[in-house]
C-alpha atoms as a PDB file:
ATOM      1  CA  MET A   1       0.030   0.048  -0.111  1.00  0.00           C
ATOM      2  CA  SER A   2       1.337   3.413  -0.819  1.00  0.00           C
ATOM      3  CA  LYS A   3       0.401   6.203   1.684  1.00  0.00           C
ATOM      4  CA  ARG A   4       2.553   8.392  -0.527  1.00  0.00           C
ATOM      5  CA  GLY A   5       0.027   8.041  -3.392  1.00  0.00           C
ATOM      6  CA  ILE A   6      -3.069   8.948  -1.336  1.00  0.00           C
ATOM      7  CA  ASN A   7      -1.311  11.715   0.380  1.00  0.00           C
ATOM      8  CA  PHE A   8      -0.329  13.263  -3.006  1.00  0.00           C
ATOM      9  CA  LEU A   9      -3.969  12.959  -4.146  1.00  0.00           C
ATOM     10  CA  ASP A  10      -5.325  14.556  -1.067  1.00  0.00           C
ATOM     11  CA  GLU A  11      -2.864  17.384  -1.242  1.00  0.00           C
ATOM     12  CA  TRP A  12      -3.341  17.898  -5.009  1.00  0.00           C
ATOM     13  CA  MET A  13      -7.157  18.065  -4.522  1.00  0.00           C
ATOM     14  CA  ALA A  14      -6.914  20.554  -1.822  1.00  0.00           C
ATOM     15  CA  GLU A  15      -4.761  22.744  -3.994  1.00  0.00           C
ATOM     16  CA  ASN A  16      -6.423  22.218  -7.464  1.00  0.00           C
ATOM     17  CA  LEU A  17     -10.050  21.512  -7.188  1.00  0.00           C
ATOM     18  CA  PRO A  18     -11.933  24.480  -8.410  1.00  0.00           C
ATOM     19  CA  ASP A  19     -14.246  26.605  -6.158  1.00  0.00           C
ATOM     20  CA  THR A  20     -17.036  26.246  -8.765  1.00  0.00           C
ATOM     21  CA  ILE A  21     -18.434  22.744  -8.269  1.00  0.00           C
ATOM     22  CA  THR A  22     -19.433  20.690 -11.284  1.00  0.00           C
ATOM     23  CA  ASP A  23     -21.001  17.259 -11.800  1.00  0.00           C
ATOM     24  CA  ASP A  24     -19.902  17.350 -15.496  1.00  0.00           C
ATOM     25  CA  PRO A  25     -18.216  14.053 -16.171  1.00  0.00           C
ATOM     26  CA  ILE A  26     -15.912  15.377 -18.833  1.00  0.00           C
ATOM     27  CA  ALA A  27     -14.699  18.207 -16.475  1.00  0.00           C
ATOM     28  CA  ILE A  28     -14.112  15.748 -13.544  1.00  0.00           C
ATOM     29  CA  GLY A  29     -12.449  13.380 -16.067  1.00  0.00           C
ATOM     30  CA  ALA A  30     -10.017  16.162 -17.074  1.00  0.00           C
ATOM     31  CA  LEU A  31      -9.301  16.946 -13.274  1.00  0.00           C
ATOM     32  CA  ALA A  32      -8.504  13.267 -12.930  1.00  0.00           C
ATOM     33  CA  ASP A  33      -6.211  13.263 -15.714  1.00  0.00           C
ATOM     34  CA  ARG A  34      -4.484  16.507 -14.474  1.00  0.00           C
ATOM     35  CA  ALA A  35      -3.946  14.824 -11.016  1.00  0.00           C
ATOM     36  CA  LEU A  36      -2.459  11.799 -12.438  1.00  0.00           C
ATOM     37  CA  GLU A  37      -0.109  13.747 -14.716  1.00  0.00           C
ATOM     38  CA  ALA A  38       0.946  15.867 -11.689  1.00  0.00           C
ATOM     39  CA  ALA A  39       1.697  12.739  -9.763  1.00  0.00           C
ATOM     40  CA  ARG A  40       3.706  11.284 -12.542  1.00  0.00           C
ATOM     41  CA  LYS A  41       5.677  14.540 -12.687  1.00  0.00           C
ATOM     42  CA  ALA A  42       6.319  14.204  -9.014  1.00  0.00           C
ATOM     43  CA  GLY A  43       7.667  10.635  -9.444  1.00  0.00           C
ATOM     44  CA  ILE A  44       4.535   8.912  -8.003  1.00  0.00           C
ATOM     45  CA  ALA A  45       3.208   6.002 -10.362  1.00  0.00           C
ATOM     46  CA  SER A  46      -0.506   5.805 -10.847  1.00  0.00           C
ATOM     47  CA  THR A  47      -0.213   2.371  -9.307  1.00  0.00           C
ATOM     48  CA  GLU A  48       0.657   4.028  -6.060  1.00  0.00           C
ATOM     49  CA  ILE A  49      -2.522   5.926  -6.125  1.00  0.00           C
ATOM     50  CA  SER A  50      -4.597   3.049  -7.557  1.00  0.00           C
ATOM     51  CA  GLU A  51      -3.496   0.784  -4.649  1.00  0.00           C
ATOM     52  CA  GLU A  52      -5.471   3.184  -2.177  1.00  0.00           C
ATOM     53  CA  VAL A  53      -8.442   4.296  -4.285  1.00  0.00           C
ATOM     54  CA  PRO A  54     -10.081   2.228  -7.074  1.00  0.00           C
ATOM     55  CA  SER A  55     -10.836   5.339  -9.135  1.00  0.00           C
ATOM     56  CA  VAL A  56      -9.507   8.834  -9.157  1.00  0.00           C
ATOM     57  CA  PHE A  57     -12.421  10.027 -11.140  1.00  0.00           C
ATOM     58  CA  GLU A  58     -14.743   8.672  -8.363  1.00  0.00           C
ATOM     59  CA  VAL A  59     -12.630  10.303  -5.580  1.00  0.00           C
ATOM     60  CA  ILE A  60     -12.844  13.722  -7.269  1.00  0.00           C
ATOM     61  CA  ALA A  61     -16.428  13.460  -8.033  1.00  0.00           C
ATOM     62  CA  GLU A  62     -17.156  12.475  -4.469  1.00  0.00           C
ATOM     63  CA  ALA A  63     -15.048  15.343  -3.116  1.00  0.00           C
ATOM     64  CA  MET A  64     -16.825  17.734  -5.471  1.00  0.00           C
ATOM     65  CA  ALA A  65     -20.313  16.462  -4.301  1.00  0.00           C
ATOM     66  CA  ARG A  66     -19.285  16.599  -0.633  1.00  0.00           C
ATOM     67  CA  HIS A  67     -18.071  20.400  -1.145  1.00  0.00           C
ATOM     68  CA  ASP A  68     -21.377  21.157  -2.847  1.00  0.00           C
ATOM     69  CA  ALA A  69     -23.408  19.783  -0.002  1.00  0.00           C
ATOM     70  CA  MET A  70     -21.653  21.974   2.587  1.00  0.00           C
ATOM     71  CA  PRO A  71     -23.415  25.019   3.860  1.00  0.00           C
END
């Protein structure tokens, strides 16, 4: 298991998810692609992230939905 991968994803989302919430799958897919590219550039293989989460897309979509539900 790679805590490094999940920690990277958590930090990336905190810094890069837009303030404008969307449920558009194309926009969420683009964010997932950007996250994985940033991980690669940081020397973190996508497998290090996928060991912790089954889908970066789903994690980002869930984070956006939770953010939208916040008062």
